[in-house]
Protein backbone atom coordinates (compact mmCIF):
# COMPACT_ATOMS: atom_id res chain seq x y z
CA MET A 1 25.80 39.47 95.54
CA THR A 2 27.83 40.26 98.65
CA GLU A 3 31.55 41.07 98.60
CA GLU A 4 32.27 37.78 100.39
CA GLN A 5 30.37 35.78 97.72
CA GLN A 6 32.29 37.60 94.95
CA GLU A 7 35.59 36.70 96.62
CA ASN A 8 34.51 33.04 96.83
CA ILE A 9 33.74 32.97 93.10
CA GLU A 10 37.10 34.54 92.20
CA ALA A 11 38.90 32.00 94.41
CA THR A 12 37.01 29.17 92.67
CA LEU A 13 38.04 30.46 89.24
CA GLU A 14 41.69 30.60 90.33
CA ASP A 15 41.52 27.01 91.66
CA ASN A 16 40.03 25.72 88.39
CA GLU A 17 42.78 27.43 86.37
CA GLN A 18 45.36 25.59 88.51
CA GLY A 19 43.78 22.21 87.75
CA ALA A 20 41.68 21.78 90.90
CA GLU A 21 38.82 19.30 90.95
CA PRO A 22 35.38 20.70 89.98
CA ILE A 23 33.50 22.09 92.95
CA GLU A 24 30.15 20.50 93.77
CA GLU A 25 26.97 22.55 93.79
CA GLN A 26 26.40 25.33 96.30
CA PRO A 27 23.05 26.87 97.21
CA ALA A 28 21.32 28.43 94.21
CA ASP A 29 21.88 32.02 95.35
CA ASP A 30 25.67 31.56 95.68
CA VAL A 31 26.39 31.80 91.95
CA SER A 32 24.64 34.18 89.59
CA GLU A 33 24.37 33.51 85.88
CA GLU A 34 26.55 36.57 85.26
CA ALA A 35 29.35 34.77 87.15
CA ILE A 36 29.24 31.79 84.77
CA GLU A 37 31.83 32.53 82.10
CA GLN A 38 32.37 31.21 78.60
CA GLU A 39 34.87 28.37 78.19
CA PRO A 40 38.48 29.59 78.04
CA GLU A 41 40.25 29.73 74.73
CA GLN A 42 42.70 26.91 74.11
CA ALA A 43 46.29 27.76 73.34
CA ASP A 44 47.44 26.98 69.84
CA LYS A 45 49.28 23.70 69.70
CA GLN A 46 52.27 23.18 67.46
CA PRO A 47 52.65 19.68 65.98
CA ALA A 48 55.89 17.80 66.51
CA PHE A 49 57.92 16.73 63.49
CA ALA A 50 60.30 13.80 63.01
CA GLU A 51 63.04 13.86 60.42
CA PRO A 52 62.85 10.82 58.07
CA ASP A 53 65.93 8.67 57.54
CA GLU A 54 65.28 8.63 53.79
CA PRO A 55 63.49 10.96 51.35
CA ILE A 56 59.73 10.30 51.32
CA GLU A 57 57.49 10.64 48.28
CA THR A 58 54.24 12.29 49.36
CA THR A 59 50.81 11.53 47.88
CA ILE A 60 47.36 12.97 48.53
CA GLU A 61 46.58 9.98 50.74
CA SER A 62 49.77 10.28 52.76
CA VAL A 63 49.22 14.03 53.26
CA VAL A 64 45.62 13.45 54.39
CA GLU A 65 46.90 10.78 56.77
CA ALA A 66 49.59 13.09 58.17
CA VAL A 67 47.17 15.98 58.69
CA LEU A 68 44.57 13.82 60.46
CA PHE A 69 47.25 12.15 62.55
CA ALA A 70 48.52 15.52 63.79
CA SER A 71 45.07 17.08 64.33
CA ASP A 72 43.49 16.98 67.79
CA GLU A 73 40.04 17.81 66.42
CA PRO A 74 37.79 16.66 63.56
CA LEU A 75 38.46 18.36 60.22
CA SER A 76 35.69 18.92 57.68
CA PRO A 77 36.19 17.70 54.08
CA THR A 78 36.28 21.34 52.95
CA ARG A 79 39.00 22.28 55.42
CA LEU A 80 40.99 19.15 54.59
CA ALA A 81 40.72 19.95 50.88
CA ALA A 82 42.01 23.47 51.51
CA ILE A 83 44.98 22.19 53.55
CA VAL A 84 45.90 19.40 51.14
CA GLU A 85 45.12 21.60 48.12
CA THR A 86 42.78 19.17 46.40
CA THR A 87 39.04 18.51 46.03
CA THR A 88 36.62 17.20 48.64
CA LYS A 89 35.99 14.17 46.40
CA GLU A 90 39.71 13.35 46.48
CA ILE A 91 39.66 13.75 50.26
CA LYS A 92 36.76 11.31 50.70
CA ASP A 93 38.30 8.83 48.26
CA SER A 94 41.61 9.04 50.09
CA ILE A 95 39.95 8.44 53.45
CA LYS A 96 38.12 5.43 52.05
CA ASN A 97 41.35 3.99 50.65
CA LEU A 98 43.23 4.65 53.89
CA ASN A 99 40.57 2.88 55.96
CA GLU A 100 40.72 -0.12 53.62
CA ARG A 101 44.49 -0.24 54.12
CA TYR A 102 44.13 0.08 57.89
CA LYS A 103 41.62 -2.76 57.95
CA ALA A 104 43.74 -4.99 55.73
CA GLY A 105 46.79 -4.33 57.90
CA ASN A 106 44.84 -4.95 61.15
CA HIS A 107 45.68 -1.47 62.41
CA ALA A 108 44.24 -0.29 65.73
CA PHE A 109 42.66 2.85 64.31
CA ARG A 110 40.35 4.16 61.61
CA ILE A 111 39.36 7.55 60.21
CA GLU A 112 35.82 8.20 61.47
CA GLN A 113 33.26 10.92 60.81
CA ILE A 114 32.84 12.86 64.04
CA ALA A 115 31.11 16.21 64.74
CA GLY A 116 30.74 16.97 61.05
CA GLY A 117 34.37 16.23 60.20
CA PHE A 118 36.94 13.43 60.02
CA GLN A 119 39.25 12.32 62.81
CA MET A 120 41.65 9.43 63.36
CA LEU A 121 40.31 7.31 66.24
CA THR A 122 41.42 4.14 68.01
CA LEU A 123 39.06 1.16 67.68
CA SER A 124 36.86 0.25 70.65
CA PRO A 125 38.47 -3.19 71.37
CA TYR A 126 41.52 -1.25 72.62
CA ASN A 127 39.53 0.72 75.18
CA THR A 128 40.77 -1.39 78.10
CA TRP A 129 44.38 -0.38 77.54
CA LEU A 130 43.60 3.21 76.64
CA GLN A 131 41.58 3.63 79.82
CA LYS A 132 44.70 2.73 81.79
CA LEU A 133 46.55 5.47 79.95
CA LEU A 134 43.86 8.06 80.57
CA ARG A 135 43.08 7.11 84.15
CA ALA A 136 45.71 9.48 85.48
CA ARG A 137 44.15 12.46 83.72
CA SER A 138 41.87 13.56 86.53
CA ASP A 139 41.02 16.82 84.78
CA SER A 140 38.99 14.90 82.22
CA LYS A 141 36.93 12.99 84.78
CA LEU A 142 33.30 13.87 85.39
CA SER A 143 31.51 13.24 88.66
CA ALA A 144 28.10 11.57 88.76
CA ALA A 145 26.54 14.99 89.38
CA ALA A 146 28.37 16.47 86.38
CA LEU A 147 27.27 13.61 84.12
CA GLU A 148 23.69 14.00 85.28
CA THR A 149 23.73 17.75 84.59
CA LEU A 150 25.39 17.21 81.22
CA ALA A 151 22.80 14.59 80.27
CA ILE A 152 19.95 17.00 81.07
CA ILE A 153 21.52 19.76 79.00
CA SER A 154 22.30 17.47 76.05
CA TYR A 155 18.76 16.09 75.82
CA LYS A 156 16.81 19.25 76.74
CA GLN A 157 18.92 21.96 75.06
CA PRO A 158 18.54 24.82 74.75
CA ILE A 159 17.62 24.93 78.43
CA ILE A 160 17.73 27.54 81.19
CA ARG A 161 19.39 26.99 84.54
CA ALA A 162 16.07 27.04 86.43
CA ASP A 163 14.78 24.09 84.39
CA ILE A 164 17.99 22.13 85.03
CA GLU A 165 17.61 22.75 88.76
CA ALA A 166 13.92 21.79 88.63
CA ILE A 167 14.80 18.42 87.08
CA ARG A 168 17.75 17.69 89.39
CA GLY A 169 16.22 19.18 92.52
CA VAL A 170 19.46 20.93 93.50
CA ALA A 171 21.36 24.08 92.57
CA ALA A 172 23.25 23.78 89.30
CA GLY A 173 25.26 26.99 88.98
CA GLU A 174 28.65 25.59 89.99
CA MET A 175 28.16 22.39 87.99
CA ILE A 176 27.23 24.30 84.82
CA ARG A 177 30.30 26.51 85.23
CA SER A 178 32.50 23.44 85.73
CA LEU A 179 31.16 21.88 82.52
CA MET A 180 31.81 25.13 80.68
CA TYR A 181 35.43 25.16 81.88
CA LYS A 182 35.80 21.66 80.48
CA GLY A 183 34.46 22.94 77.16
CA LEU A 184 31.42 20.63 77.15
CA VAL A 185 28.72 23.26 77.69
CA LYS A 186 28.29 26.81 76.41
CA ILE A 187 25.79 29.68 76.45
CA VAL A 188 23.71 29.51 73.26
CA GLY A 189 21.42 32.50 73.78
CA ARG A 190 18.80 33.98 76.07
CA ALA A 191 15.25 32.79 76.66
CA GLU A 192 12.43 35.12 75.62
CA ILE A 193 10.85 35.07 79.08
CA LEU A 194 10.88 37.37 82.11
CA GLY A 195 14.45 38.25 82.99
CA ARG A 196 15.79 36.73 79.74
CA PRO A 197 17.85 34.00 81.49
CA MET A 198 20.72 32.39 79.62
CA LEU A 199 20.15 29.26 77.57
CA TYR A 200 22.70 26.45 77.72
CA GLY A 201 23.64 23.81 75.17
CA THR A 202 26.46 21.40 74.39
CA THR A 203 29.57 22.19 72.37
CA LYS A 204 31.41 20.58 69.47
CA LYS A 205 33.87 19.20 72.02
CA PHE A 206 30.96 17.36 73.66
CA LEU A 207 30.38 15.53 70.37
CA GLU A 208 34.09 14.72 70.10
CA VAL A 209 34.43 13.44 73.68
CA PHE A 210 31.41 11.15 73.40
CA GLY A 211 32.13 10.03 69.83
CA LEU A 212 29.00 11.50 68.26
CA ASN A 213 28.64 12.93 64.76
CA THR A 214 25.52 14.96 65.59
CA LEU A 215 23.12 15.25 68.52
CA LYS A 216 20.80 12.90 66.62
CA ASP A 217 23.27 10.13 67.51
CA LEU A 218 22.44 10.44 71.22
CA PRO A 219 20.84 7.23 72.55
CA LYS A 220 17.05 7.36 72.59
CA ILE A 221 15.56 7.66 76.06
CA GLU A 222 13.85 4.28 75.74
CA GLU A 223 17.19 2.69 74.82
CA LEU A 224 18.86 3.73 78.06
CA LYS A 225 19.03 1.00 80.69
CA LYS A 226 17.58 1.59 84.12
CA PRO A 227 20.22 1.63 86.88
CA GLU A 228 20.57 -1.61 88.77
CA GLN A 229 18.99 -1.68 92.20
């Protein structure tokens, strides 16, 4: 890699850290696999607290509800049990009771099983209004090229970069790195072939973003509709 290419990569990393849009693919030789970094660590987030007007009597159900409400990621039954200081059976029973209450009260959310844990999610009929809220968050948007690359990785993982490029017909280095910065793709190992290239796969965040419990919940290939002409 030339000094000029190295400077271009460093400039790209700085732009991404400042919230710049993902950069489209460059020629295959422009980005080496060594330049593709792991997704950055997320800063710890502190939940906000509101002081109640009156004393509140807490129960296992209300504590489970509060924890899931404040969490920005799915929590496993074991982790919930450790936080609430109860059993996993009590956790599951509480979640069942809470969902029954939400349904009876016509609430806009439910506690769903996602990525091996439980998370409080808004129901799909409210997507129209939520999309208006999220439309301004450009950092979460994926281009058509990014979605295509992500689809290949999700269905073919673990997969090497050369195979991704063979399927798409274009260089994929920059797009893979962009997906890694968004936390959707990660390096899962190295292939036991000449050169031992890196293998890529999806992350737990990928499951969360697309509302999947496991990769088995991905739509079957035959179920996907062909694009309209």
